[in-house]
């Protein structure tokens, strides 16, 4: 009987650890972000507009303060190009190529247990094998591509018929959702997202 109790306690402890180790604490940072009110504005500012499929090829970029705290971060993700609408980059990009997109969020292992997601303005990382309409801008200082307006430069194809409010309501309570929903509808219509 004692052996069964020990086994049950051990199993409970292992299950509890696995559960806690898979929990993600979200730490949201605010930033000064350009807010786009129309697809035209996004198109004018974008250097590259594509439909792309996110891959699982990712790498965290983290820069630390002298005191050891995280100062700057991004997830570098490779995105397979499926369609090109605009390319004003110096390099040629073709359908089937992969481009490196820097997302303003990372997930890192906590010191003891669990994970921590650091994100700017609640940005959600792209998911492997999901397709997105991306409005990307080249950062000449870091020589990378990033979505415009944080959340406004990335539109998931399978969520195109949902309002941004229903998709992002928990993360972006301080945003003007009627404007975001209008932008989402414009992108869906213009880029024939179904």
N, C-alpha and C. Protein backbone atom coordinates (compact mmCIF):
# COMPACT_ATOMS: atom_id res chain seq x y z
N UNK A 1 0.82 -1.20 0.00
CA UNK A 1 0.00 0.00 0.00
C UNK A 1 0.87 1.27 0.00
N UNK A 2 1.92 1.26 0.83
CA UNK A 2 2.82 2.41 0.91
C UNK A 2 3.46 2.69 -0.45
N UNK A 3 3.82 1.62 -1.18
CA UNK A 3 4.43 1.76 -2.51
C UNK A 3 3.49 2.45 -3.48
N UNK A 4 2.19 2.11 -3.41
CA UNK A 4 1.21 2.73 -4.30
C UNK A 4 1.05 4.22 -3.99
N UNK A 5 1.10 4.56 -2.70
CA UNK A 5 0.99 5.97 -2.30
C UNK A 5 2.20 6.75 -2.81
N UNK A 6 3.39 6.18 -2.66
CA UNK A 6 4.61 6.83 -3.15
C UNK A 6 4.55 7.00 -4.66
N UNK A 7 4.10 5.95 -5.37
CA UNK A 7 3.98 6.04 -6.84
C UNK A 7 2.99 7.14 -7.24
N UNK A 8 1.85 7.20 -6.55
CA UNK A 8 0.84 8.21 -6.86
C UNK A 8 1.37 9.61 -6.59
N UNK A 9 2.07 9.79 -5.47
CA UNK A 9 2.66 11.10 -5.16
C UNK A 9 3.72 11.48 -6.18
N UNK A 10 4.56 10.53 -6.55
CA UNK A 10 5.61 10.78 -7.55
C UNK A 10 4.98 11.18 -8.88
N UNK A 11 3.97 10.43 -9.30
CA UNK A 11 3.29 10.74 -10.56
C UNK A 11 2.65 12.13 -10.51
N UNK A 12 2.06 12.47 -9.37
CA UNK A 12 1.45 13.80 -9.22
C UNK A 12 2.49 14.91 -9.28
N UNK A 13 3.63 14.69 -8.63
CA UNK A 13 4.70 15.69 -8.65
C UNK A 13 5.25 15.87 -10.06
N UNK A 14 5.47 14.77 -10.77
CA UNK A 14 5.98 14.86 -12.14
C UNK A 14 4.96 15.58 -13.03
N UNK A 15 3.70 15.20 -12.92
CA UNK A 15 2.65 15.85 -13.72
C UNK A 15 2.57 17.34 -13.39
N UNK A 16 2.67 17.68 -12.11
CA UNK A 16 2.65 19.09 -11.71
C UNK A 16 3.83 19.86 -12.27
N UNK A 17 5.02 19.25 -12.24
CA UNK A 17 6.21 19.91 -12.79
C UNK A 17 6.05 20.13 -14.29
N UNK A 18 5.61 19.08 -15.00
CA UNK A 18 5.43 19.19 -16.46
C UNK A 18 4.42 20.29 -16.77
N UNK A 19 3.33 20.32 -16.01
CA UNK A 19 2.31 21.36 -16.22
C UNK A 19 2.90 22.75 -16.00
N UNK A 20 3.56 22.94 -14.88
CA UNK A 20 4.14 24.26 -14.56
C UNK A 20 5.24 24.64 -15.54
N UNK A 21 6.03 23.66 -15.98
CA UNK A 21 7.13 23.95 -16.89
C UNK A 21 6.62 24.38 -18.27
N UNK A 22 5.39 24.02 -18.60
CA UNK A 22 4.82 24.42 -19.89
C UNK A 22 4.02 25.71 -19.82
N UNK A 23 3.89 26.29 -18.65
CA UNK A 23 3.17 27.55 -18.49
C UNK A 23 4.02 28.70 -19.03
N UNK A 24 3.36 29.65 -19.66
CA UNK A 24 4.06 30.80 -20.22
C UNK A 24 3.53 32.07 -19.55
N UNK A 25 4.44 32.77 -18.87
CA UNK A 25 4.10 34.06 -18.28
C UNK A 25 4.36 35.13 -19.34
N UNK A 26 3.37 35.96 -19.61
CA UNK A 26 3.51 37.00 -20.64
C UNK A 26 3.89 38.31 -19.97
N UNK A 27 4.98 38.92 -20.49
CA UNK A 27 5.41 40.24 -20.02
C UNK A 27 5.35 41.18 -21.21
N UNK A 28 4.39 42.08 -21.18
CA UNK A 28 4.13 42.99 -22.29
C UNK A 28 4.84 44.32 -22.06
N UNK A 29 5.55 44.79 -23.08
CA UNK A 29 6.18 46.11 -23.05
C UNK A 29 5.44 47.03 -24.01
N UNK A 30 5.37 48.29 -23.66
CA UNK A 30 4.75 49.26 -24.54
C UNK A 30 5.83 50.03 -25.28
N UNK A 31 5.48 50.48 -26.47
CA UNK A 31 6.44 51.21 -27.30
C UNK A 31 5.69 52.26 -28.11
N UNK A 32 6.44 53.19 -28.62
CA UNK A 32 5.87 54.17 -29.52
C UNK A 32 5.78 53.51 -30.90
N UNK A 33 4.56 53.28 -31.34
CA UNK A 33 4.33 52.52 -32.57
C UNK A 33 3.49 53.35 -33.52
N UNK A 34 3.84 53.34 -34.80
CA UNK A 34 3.03 54.00 -35.81
C UNK A 34 1.72 53.23 -35.95
N UNK A 35 0.61 53.93 -35.92
CA UNK A 35 -0.70 53.31 -36.09
C UNK A 35 -1.18 53.63 -37.50
N UNK A 36 -1.48 52.58 -38.26
CA UNK A 36 -1.93 52.73 -39.64
C UNK A 36 -3.45 52.68 -39.69
N UNK A 37 -4.03 53.60 -40.46
CA UNK A 37 -5.48 53.68 -40.53
C UNK A 37 -6.04 53.19 -41.86
N UNK A 38 -5.15 52.86 -42.82
CA UNK A 38 -5.63 52.36 -44.10
C UNK A 38 -4.60 51.43 -44.72
N UNK A 39 -5.09 50.58 -45.62
CA UNK A 39 -4.19 49.69 -46.35
C UNK A 39 -3.24 50.52 -47.19
N UNK A 40 -3.73 51.62 -47.74
CA UNK A 40 -2.89 52.50 -48.55
C UNK A 40 -1.67 52.96 -47.75
N UNK A 41 -1.88 53.35 -46.50
CA UNK A 41 -0.77 53.79 -45.65
C UNK A 41 0.23 52.65 -45.41
N UNK A 42 -0.28 51.45 -45.15
CA UNK A 42 0.59 50.29 -44.97
C UNK A 42 1.40 50.03 -46.24
N UNK A 43 0.71 50.05 -47.38
CA UNK A 43 1.38 49.78 -48.66
C UNK A 43 2.46 50.80 -48.96
N UNK A 44 2.20 52.06 -48.66
CA UNK A 44 3.20 53.10 -48.93
C UNK A 44 4.45 52.92 -48.08
N UNK A 45 4.29 52.53 -46.82
CA UNK A 45 5.45 52.38 -45.92
C UNK A 45 6.18 51.05 -46.07
N UNK A 46 5.50 50.04 -46.58
CA UNK A 46 6.10 48.71 -46.66
C UNK A 46 7.15 48.64 -47.77
N UNK A 47 8.25 47.96 -47.47
CA UNK A 47 9.26 47.67 -48.49
C UNK A 47 8.95 46.34 -49.17
N UNK A 48 8.26 45.46 -48.46
CA UNK A 48 7.93 44.14 -48.99
C UNK A 48 6.54 43.75 -48.50
N UNK A 49 5.67 43.37 -49.45
CA UNK A 49 4.34 42.87 -49.10
C UNK A 49 4.21 41.49 -49.71
N UNK A 50 3.95 40.50 -48.86
CA UNK A 50 3.88 39.11 -49.33
C UNK A 50 2.75 38.35 -48.63
N UNK A 51 2.41 37.23 -49.23
CA UNK A 51 1.72 36.17 -48.49
C UNK A 51 2.81 35.15 -48.25
N UNK A 52 2.98 34.76 -47.00
CA UNK A 52 4.03 33.81 -46.66
C UNK A 52 3.57 32.81 -45.62
N UNK A 53 4.27 31.67 -45.61
CA UNK A 53 3.99 30.63 -44.63
C UNK A 53 5.11 30.61 -43.60
N UNK A 54 4.74 30.76 -42.34
CA UNK A 54 5.74 30.74 -41.27
C UNK A 54 6.35 29.35 -41.15
N UNK A 55 7.65 29.30 -40.95
CA UNK A 55 8.33 28.02 -40.74
C UNK A 55 8.69 27.89 -39.27
N UNK A 56 9.18 26.71 -38.91
CA UNK A 56 9.62 26.51 -37.53
C UNK A 56 11.09 26.87 -37.36
N UNK A 57 11.69 27.47 -38.38
CA UNK A 57 13.09 27.90 -38.30
C UNK A 57 13.13 29.25 -37.58
N UNK A 58 13.42 29.20 -36.30
CA UNK A 58 13.45 30.42 -35.49
C UNK A 58 14.72 30.49 -34.67
N UNK A 59 15.04 31.71 -34.28
CA UNK A 59 16.20 31.94 -33.41
C UNK A 59 15.90 33.18 -32.58
N UNK A 60 16.14 33.10 -31.28
CA UNK A 60 15.96 34.26 -30.42
C UNK A 60 17.16 35.19 -30.52
N UNK A 61 16.87 36.48 -30.62
CA UNK A 61 17.91 37.51 -30.52
C UNK A 61 17.64 38.24 -29.21
N UNK A 62 18.63 38.27 -28.33
CA UNK A 62 18.47 38.95 -27.04
C UNK A 62 19.72 39.78 -26.77
N UNK A 63 19.50 41.04 -26.41
CA UNK A 63 20.60 41.91 -25.97
C UNK A 63 20.33 42.26 -24.52
N UNK A 64 21.38 42.17 -23.69
CA UNK A 64 21.23 42.38 -22.25
C UNK A 64 21.85 43.70 -21.81
N UNK A 65 21.27 44.31 -20.76
CA UNK A 65 21.87 45.44 -20.05
C UNK A 65 23.10 44.94 -19.31
N UNK A 66 23.91 45.86 -18.84
CA UNK A 66 25.07 45.50 -18.02
C UNK A 66 24.65 44.78 -16.74
N UNK A 67 23.45 45.09 -16.22
CA UNK A 67 22.99 44.45 -14.98
C UNK A 67 22.37 43.07 -15.22
N UNK A 68 22.37 42.60 -16.47
CA UNK A 68 21.87 41.26 -16.77
C UNK A 68 20.42 41.20 -17.20
N UNK A 69 19.71 42.32 -17.11
CA UNK A 69 18.31 42.35 -17.54
C UNK A 69 18.24 42.41 -19.07
N UNK A 70 17.16 41.87 -19.63
CA UNK A 70 16.96 41.91 -21.07
C UNK A 70 16.67 43.34 -21.50
N UNK A 71 17.41 43.81 -22.52
CA UNK A 71 17.29 45.17 -23.03
C UNK A 71 16.48 45.19 -24.33
N UNK A 72 16.79 44.29 -25.24
CA UNK A 72 16.16 44.26 -26.55
C UNK A 72 16.01 42.80 -26.95
N UNK A 73 14.97 42.50 -27.74
CA UNK A 73 14.73 41.11 -28.11
C UNK A 73 13.89 41.02 -29.37
N UNK A 74 14.03 39.91 -30.07
CA UNK A 74 13.22 39.58 -31.24
C UNK A 74 13.33 38.09 -31.49
N UNK A 75 12.35 37.56 -32.19
CA UNK A 75 12.45 36.21 -32.72
C UNK A 75 12.69 36.34 -34.21
N UNK A 76 13.80 35.77 -34.66
CA UNK A 76 14.08 35.74 -36.09
C UNK A 76 13.40 34.48 -36.65
N UNK A 77 12.47 34.67 -37.59
CA UNK A 77 11.73 33.54 -38.15
C UNK A 77 11.84 33.55 -39.67
N UNK A 78 12.06 32.39 -40.24
CA UNK A 78 12.08 32.27 -41.69
C UNK A 78 10.64 32.07 -42.17
N UNK A 79 10.27 32.83 -43.21
CA UNK A 79 8.93 32.76 -43.79
C UNK A 79 9.08 32.42 -45.27
N UNK A 80 8.38 31.38 -45.70
CA UNK A 80 8.43 30.96 -47.10
C UNK A 80 7.46 31.82 -47.91
N UNK A 81 7.99 32.46 -48.95
CA UNK A 81 7.21 33.38 -49.78
C UNK A 81 6.29 32.59 -50.72
N UNK A 82 5.00 32.90 -50.66
CA UNK A 82 4.03 32.24 -51.54
C UNK A 82 3.52 33.19 -52.63
N UNK A 83 3.48 34.47 -52.34
CA UNK A 83 3.03 35.46 -53.32
C UNK A 83 3.66 36.79 -52.96
N UNK A 84 4.07 37.54 -53.99
CA UNK A 84 4.70 38.85 -53.78
C UNK A 84 3.82 39.93 -54.39
N UNK A 85 3.47 40.93 -53.59
CA UNK A 85 2.67 42.04 -54.07
C UNK A 85 3.52 43.29 -54.29
N UNK A 86 4.58 43.43 -53.51
CA UNK A 86 5.47 44.59 -53.62
C UNK A 86 6.84 44.18 -53.12
N UNK A 87 7.87 44.60 -53.87
CA UNK A 87 9.25 44.38 -53.41
C UNK A 87 10.09 45.59 -53.79
N UNK A 88 10.41 46.41 -52.79
CA UNK A 88 11.29 47.55 -53.02
C UNK A 88 12.63 47.36 -52.32
N UNK A 89 12.97 46.10 -52.07
CA UNK A 89 14.26 45.79 -51.46
C UNK A 89 15.33 45.74 -52.53
N UNK A 90 16.57 45.86 -52.13
CA UNK A 90 17.67 45.77 -53.07
C UNK A 90 17.84 44.36 -53.62
N UNK A 91 17.52 43.36 -52.79
CA UNK A 91 17.68 41.98 -53.23
C UNK A 91 16.42 41.46 -53.91
N UNK A 92 16.64 40.56 -54.86
CA UNK A 92 15.53 39.93 -55.57
C UNK A 92 14.96 38.82 -54.69
N UNK A 93 13.65 38.74 -54.65
CA UNK A 93 12.98 37.69 -53.89
C UNK A 93 11.98 37.04 -54.83
N UNK A 94 11.96 35.70 -54.82
CA UNK A 94 11.06 34.95 -55.69
C UNK A 94 10.13 34.07 -54.85
N UNK A 95 9.02 33.68 -55.46
CA UNK A 95 8.12 32.73 -54.81
C UNK A 95 8.92 31.47 -54.50
N UNK A 96 8.77 30.95 -53.29
CA UNK A 96 9.52 29.77 -52.86
C UNK A 96 10.74 30.11 -52.01
N UNK A 97 11.22 31.36 -52.13
CA UNK A 97 12.34 31.80 -51.28
C UNK A 97 11.87 31.93 -49.84
N UNK A 98 12.83 31.96 -48.94
CA UNK A 98 12.53 32.24 -47.54
C UNK A 98 13.14 33.59 -47.17
N UNK A 99 12.35 34.40 -46.46
CA UNK A 99 12.84 35.68 -45.96
C UNK A 99 12.87 35.63 -44.44
N UNK A 100 13.82 36.34 -43.86
CA UNK A 100 13.95 36.39 -42.40
C UNK A 100 13.13 37.57 -41.87
N UNK A 101 12.17 37.27 -41.01
CA UNK A 101 11.32 38.29 -40.41
C UNK A 101 11.62 38.35 -38.92
N UNK A 102 11.87 39.55 -38.43
CA UNK A 102 12.13 39.75 -37.00
C UNK A 102 10.82 40.12 -36.33
N UNK A 103 10.36 39.25 -35.43
CA UNK A 103 9.11 39.47 -34.71
C UNK A 103 9.40 40.08 -33.34
N UNK A 104 8.62 41.07 -32.92
CA UNK A 104 8.89 41.76 -31.65
C UNK A 104 8.40 40.99 -30.42
N UNK A 105 8.87 39.76 -30.29
CA UNK A 105 8.48 38.91 -29.17
C UNK A 105 9.43 37.72 -29.10
N UNK A 106 9.64 37.20 -27.89
CA UNK A 106 10.44 35.99 -27.70
C UNK A 106 9.80 35.14 -26.60
N UNK A 107 10.10 33.86 -26.63
CA UNK A 107 9.74 32.98 -25.52
C UNK A 107 11.04 32.39 -25.01
N UNK A 108 11.30 32.60 -23.72
CA UNK A 108 12.54 32.10 -23.11
C UNK A 108 12.20 31.27 -21.88
N UNK A 109 13.08 30.35 -21.56
CA UNK A 109 12.94 29.51 -20.37
C UNK A 109 13.23 30.36 -19.15
N UNK A 110 12.35 30.28 -18.14
CA UNK A 110 12.62 30.96 -16.88
C UNK A 110 13.76 30.24 -16.17
N UNK A 111 14.34 30.90 -15.18
CA UNK A 111 15.46 30.32 -14.45
C UNK A 111 15.12 28.99 -13.78
N UNK A 112 13.94 28.87 -13.22
CA UNK A 112 13.60 27.69 -12.44
C UNK A 112 12.60 26.80 -13.17
N UNK A 113 11.43 27.33 -13.41
CA UNK A 113 10.36 26.52 -13.99
C UNK A 113 9.48 27.39 -14.88
N UNK A 114 9.02 26.85 -15.97
CA UNK A 114 8.13 27.57 -16.86
C UNK A 114 8.87 28.39 -17.91
N UNK A 115 8.08 29.13 -18.66
CA UNK A 115 8.62 29.96 -19.74
C UNK A 115 8.08 31.37 -19.58
N UNK A 116 8.75 32.29 -20.22
CA UNK A 116 8.34 33.69 -20.18
C UNK A 116 8.29 34.20 -21.61
N UNK A 117 7.19 34.83 -21.97
CA UNK A 117 7.10 35.47 -23.27
C UNK A 117 7.24 36.96 -23.06
N UNK A 118 8.23 37.53 -23.71
CA UNK A 118 8.41 38.98 -23.73
C UNK A 118 7.83 39.44 -25.06
N UNK A 119 7.00 40.47 -25.00
CA UNK A 119 6.36 40.93 -26.22
C UNK A 119 6.19 42.44 -26.19
N UNK A 120 6.23 43.04 -27.36
CA UNK A 120 5.99 44.47 -27.49
C UNK A 120 4.56 44.65 -27.98
N UNK A 121 3.81 45.43 -27.23
CA UNK A 121 2.41 45.73 -27.54
C UNK A 121 1.58 44.47 -27.77
N UNK A 122 1.93 43.38 -27.06
CA UNK A 122 1.13 42.16 -27.13
C UNK A 122 1.27 41.36 -28.40
N UNK A 123 2.30 41.63 -29.19
CA UNK A 123 2.49 40.93 -30.46
C UNK A 123 2.45 39.42 -30.24
N UNK A 124 1.72 38.72 -31.10
CA UNK A 124 1.66 37.26 -31.07
C UNK A 124 2.61 36.70 -32.12
N UNK A 125 3.45 35.77 -31.72
CA UNK A 125 4.38 35.14 -32.65
C UNK A 125 3.62 34.38 -33.74
N UNK A 126 4.17 34.39 -34.95
CA UNK A 126 3.59 33.59 -36.02
C UNK A 126 3.69 32.12 -35.65
N UNK A 127 2.76 31.35 -36.15
CA UNK A 127 2.74 29.92 -35.87
C UNK A 127 3.21 29.13 -37.08
N UNK A 128 3.97 28.09 -36.82
CA UNK A 128 4.51 27.23 -37.86
C UNK A 128 3.40 26.74 -38.79
N UNK A 129 3.67 26.85 -40.10
CA UNK A 129 2.79 26.39 -41.18
C UNK A 129 1.52 27.22 -41.35
N UNK A 130 1.38 28.32 -40.61
CA UNK A 130 0.25 29.22 -40.84
C UNK A 130 0.67 30.27 -41.87
N UNK A 131 -0.31 30.71 -42.65
CA UNK A 131 -0.04 31.69 -43.69
C UNK A 131 -0.51 33.07 -43.25
N UNK A 132 0.25 34.08 -43.71
CA UNK A 132 0.00 35.47 -43.30
C UNK A 132 0.19 36.40 -44.49
N UNK A 133 -0.58 37.50 -44.49
CA UNK A 133 -0.25 38.64 -45.35
C UNK A 133 0.66 39.49 -44.49
N UNK A 134 1.85 39.79 -45.01
CA UNK A 134 2.85 40.54 -44.25
C UNK A 134 3.20 41.84 -44.95
N UNK A 135 3.14 42.93 -44.21
CA UNK A 135 3.60 44.25 -44.65
C UNK A 135 4.89 44.49 -43.89
N UNK A 136 6.02 44.38 -44.58
CA UNK A 136 7.33 44.40 -43.91
C UNK A 136 8.13 45.63 -44.28
N UNK A 137 8.90 46.10 -43.32
CA UNK A 137 9.78 47.26 -43.50
C UNK A 137 11.20 46.83 -43.18
N UNK A 138 12.14 47.28 -44.00
CA UNK A 138 13.55 46.98 -43.74
C UNK A 138 14.11 47.99 -42.75
N UNK A 139 14.72 47.47 -41.71
CA UNK A 139 15.42 48.30 -40.73
C UNK A 139 16.87 48.34 -41.19
N UNK A 140 17.32 49.48 -41.67
CA UNK A 140 18.68 49.56 -42.22
C UNK A 140 19.76 49.46 -41.15
N UNK A 141 19.44 49.83 -39.92
CA UNK A 141 20.43 49.74 -38.84
C UNK A 141 20.74 48.28 -38.50
N UNK A 142 19.67 47.48 -38.35
CA UNK A 142 19.85 46.06 -38.02
C UNK A 142 19.87 45.17 -39.26
N UNK A 143 19.54 45.75 -40.43
CA UNK A 143 19.48 45.01 -41.68
C UNK A 143 18.51 43.83 -41.58
N UNK A 144 17.29 44.12 -41.12
CA UNK A 144 16.29 43.06 -41.02
C UNK A 144 14.92 43.57 -41.45
N UNK A 145 13.98 42.64 -41.60
CA UNK A 145 12.60 42.98 -41.96
C UNK A 145 11.71 42.75 -40.75
N UNK A 146 10.78 43.67 -40.51
CA UNK A 146 9.86 43.53 -39.39
C UNK A 146 8.47 44.00 -39.82
N UNK A 147 7.42 43.45 -39.20
CA UNK A 147 6.06 43.89 -39.53
C UNK A 147 5.84 45.36 -39.15
N UNK A 148 5.16 46.08 -40.01
CA UNK A 148 4.82 47.48 -39.74
C UNK A 148 3.80 47.57 -38.61
N UNK A 149 3.90 48.62 -37.80
CA UNK A 149 2.90 48.88 -36.77
C UNK A 149 2.70 47.74 -35.79
N UNK A 150 3.70 46.94 -35.58
CA UNK A 150 3.67 45.76 -34.72
C UNK A 150 2.58 44.80 -35.17
N UNK A 151 1.35 44.93 -34.67
CA UNK A 151 0.31 43.96 -35.06
C UNK A 151 -0.31 44.28 -36.41
N UNK A 152 -0.16 45.50 -36.89
CA UNK A 152 -0.84 45.89 -38.12
C UNK A 152 -0.13 45.41 -39.38
N UNK A 153 1.06 44.91 -39.27
CA UNK A 153 1.79 44.45 -40.44
C UNK A 153 1.71 42.96 -40.66
N UNK A 154 0.86 42.28 -39.89
CA UNK A 154 0.75 40.82 -39.98
C UNK A 154 -0.72 40.42 -39.86
N UNK A 155 -1.25 39.78 -40.90
CA UNK A 155 -2.64 39.37 -40.91
C UNK A 155 -2.73 37.87 -41.17
N UNK A 156 -3.12 37.08 -40.17
CA UNK A 156 -3.25 35.62 -40.36
C UNK A 156 -4.38 35.32 -41.35
N UNK A 157 -4.10 34.48 -42.34
CA UNK A 157 -5.11 34.20 -43.36
C UNK A 157 -6.33 33.49 -42.79
N UNK A 158 -6.14 32.56 -41.87
CA UNK A 158 -7.30 31.83 -41.35
C UNK A 158 -8.12 32.63 -40.35
N UNK A 159 -7.64 33.78 -39.96
CA UNK A 159 -8.40 34.64 -39.05
C UNK A 159 -8.91 35.88 -39.75
N UNK A 160 -8.82 35.88 -41.08
CA UNK A 160 -9.17 37.08 -41.84
C UNK A 160 -10.64 37.47 -41.69
N UNK A 161 -11.49 36.51 -41.49
CA UNK A 161 -12.92 36.83 -41.38
C UNK A 161 -13.31 37.23 -39.96
N UNK A 162 -12.40 37.08 -39.02
CA UNK A 162 -12.67 37.49 -37.65
C UNK A 162 -12.26 38.95 -37.48
N UNK A 163 -12.89 39.63 -36.57
CA UNK A 163 -12.45 40.98 -36.30
C UNK A 163 -11.18 40.93 -35.46
N UNK A 164 -10.35 41.93 -35.59
CA UNK A 164 -9.14 41.99 -34.77
C UNK A 164 -9.52 42.03 -33.30
N UNK A 165 -10.65 42.63 -32.99
CA UNK A 165 -11.07 42.69 -31.59
C UNK A 165 -11.25 41.29 -31.02
N UNK A 166 -11.86 40.38 -31.77
CA UNK A 166 -12.07 39.03 -31.24
C UNK A 166 -10.77 38.25 -31.18
N UNK A 167 -9.85 38.52 -32.08
CA UNK A 167 -8.57 37.81 -32.10
C UNK A 167 -7.64 38.32 -31.02
N UNK A 168 -7.59 39.65 -30.83
CA UNK A 168 -6.58 40.26 -29.97
C UNK A 168 -7.14 40.95 -28.72
N UNK A 169 -8.42 40.77 -28.42
CA UNK A 169 -9.07 41.59 -27.39
C UNK A 169 -8.36 41.57 -26.05
N UNK A 170 -7.78 40.44 -25.66
CA UNK A 170 -7.12 40.39 -24.35
C UNK A 170 -5.82 41.17 -24.33
N UNK A 171 -5.08 41.13 -25.44
CA UNK A 171 -3.77 41.77 -25.46
C UNK A 171 -3.83 43.28 -25.72
N UNK A 172 -4.86 43.73 -26.43
CA UNK A 172 -4.86 45.11 -26.92
C UNK A 172 -6.06 45.90 -26.46
N UNK A 173 -6.32 45.90 -25.19
CA UNK A 173 -7.49 46.59 -24.67
C UNK A 173 -7.41 48.10 -24.87
N UNK A 174 -6.21 48.63 -25.04
CA UNK A 174 -6.06 50.08 -25.16
C UNK A 174 -6.11 50.57 -26.61
N UNK A 175 -6.28 49.67 -27.58
CA UNK A 175 -6.33 50.08 -28.98
C UNK A 175 -7.75 50.40 -29.42
N UNK A 176 -7.86 51.16 -30.50
CA UNK A 176 -9.14 51.52 -31.10
C UNK A 176 -9.53 50.41 -32.08
N UNK A 177 -10.32 49.44 -31.62
CA UNK A 177 -10.62 48.29 -32.45
C UNK A 177 -11.48 48.56 -33.67
N UNK A 178 -12.41 49.49 -33.66
CA UNK A 178 -13.13 49.73 -34.91
C UNK A 178 -12.17 50.08 -36.06
N UNK A 179 -11.11 50.86 -35.78
CA UNK A 179 -10.12 51.18 -36.81
C UNK A 179 -9.35 49.94 -37.25
N UNK A 180 -8.97 49.10 -36.29
CA UNK A 180 -8.25 47.87 -36.63
C UNK A 180 -9.14 46.93 -37.43
N UNK A 181 -10.41 46.81 -37.05
CA UNK A 181 -11.33 45.95 -37.78
C UNK A 181 -11.52 46.45 -39.21
N UNK A 182 -11.59 47.76 -39.36
CA UNK A 182 -11.71 48.36 -40.70
C UNK A 182 -10.48 48.01 -41.54
N UNK A 183 -9.31 48.12 -40.94
CA UNK A 183 -8.07 47.78 -41.64
C UNK A 183 -8.05 46.30 -42.02
N UNK A 184 -8.47 45.44 -41.12
CA UNK A 184 -8.52 44.00 -41.38
C UNK A 184 -9.43 43.71 -42.57
N UNK A 185 -10.58 44.37 -42.63
CA UNK A 185 -11.51 44.16 -43.74
C UNK A 185 -10.91 44.65 -45.05
N UNK A 186 -10.22 45.79 -45.01
CA UNK A 186 -9.57 46.31 -46.21
C UNK A 186 -8.52 45.34 -46.74
N UNK A 187 -7.70 44.81 -45.84
CA UNK A 187 -6.67 43.85 -46.24
C UNK A 187 -7.32 42.60 -46.82
N UNK A 188 -8.36 42.09 -46.16
CA UNK A 188 -9.06 40.89 -46.63
C UNK A 188 -9.62 41.09 -48.02
N UNK A 189 -10.22 42.24 -48.24
CA UNK A 189 -10.83 42.54 -49.54
C UNK A 189 -9.77 42.74 -50.62
N UNK A 190 -8.78 43.55 -50.34
CA UNK A 190 -7.77 43.90 -51.34
C UNK A 190 -6.91 42.70 -51.74
N UNK A 191 -6.57 41.87 -50.77
CA UNK A 191 -5.67 40.76 -51.05
C UNK A 191 -6.42 39.43 -51.17
N UNK A 192 -7.74 39.53 -51.40
CA UNK A 192 -8.59 38.37 -51.65
C UNK A 192 -8.38 37.24 -50.66
N UNK A 193 -8.36 37.58 -49.40
CA UNK A 193 -8.21 36.57 -48.36
C UNK A 193 -9.57 35.96 -48.10
N UNK A 194 -9.63 34.64 -48.16
CA UNK A 194 -10.90 33.96 -47.87
C UNK A 194 -10.75 33.03 -46.72
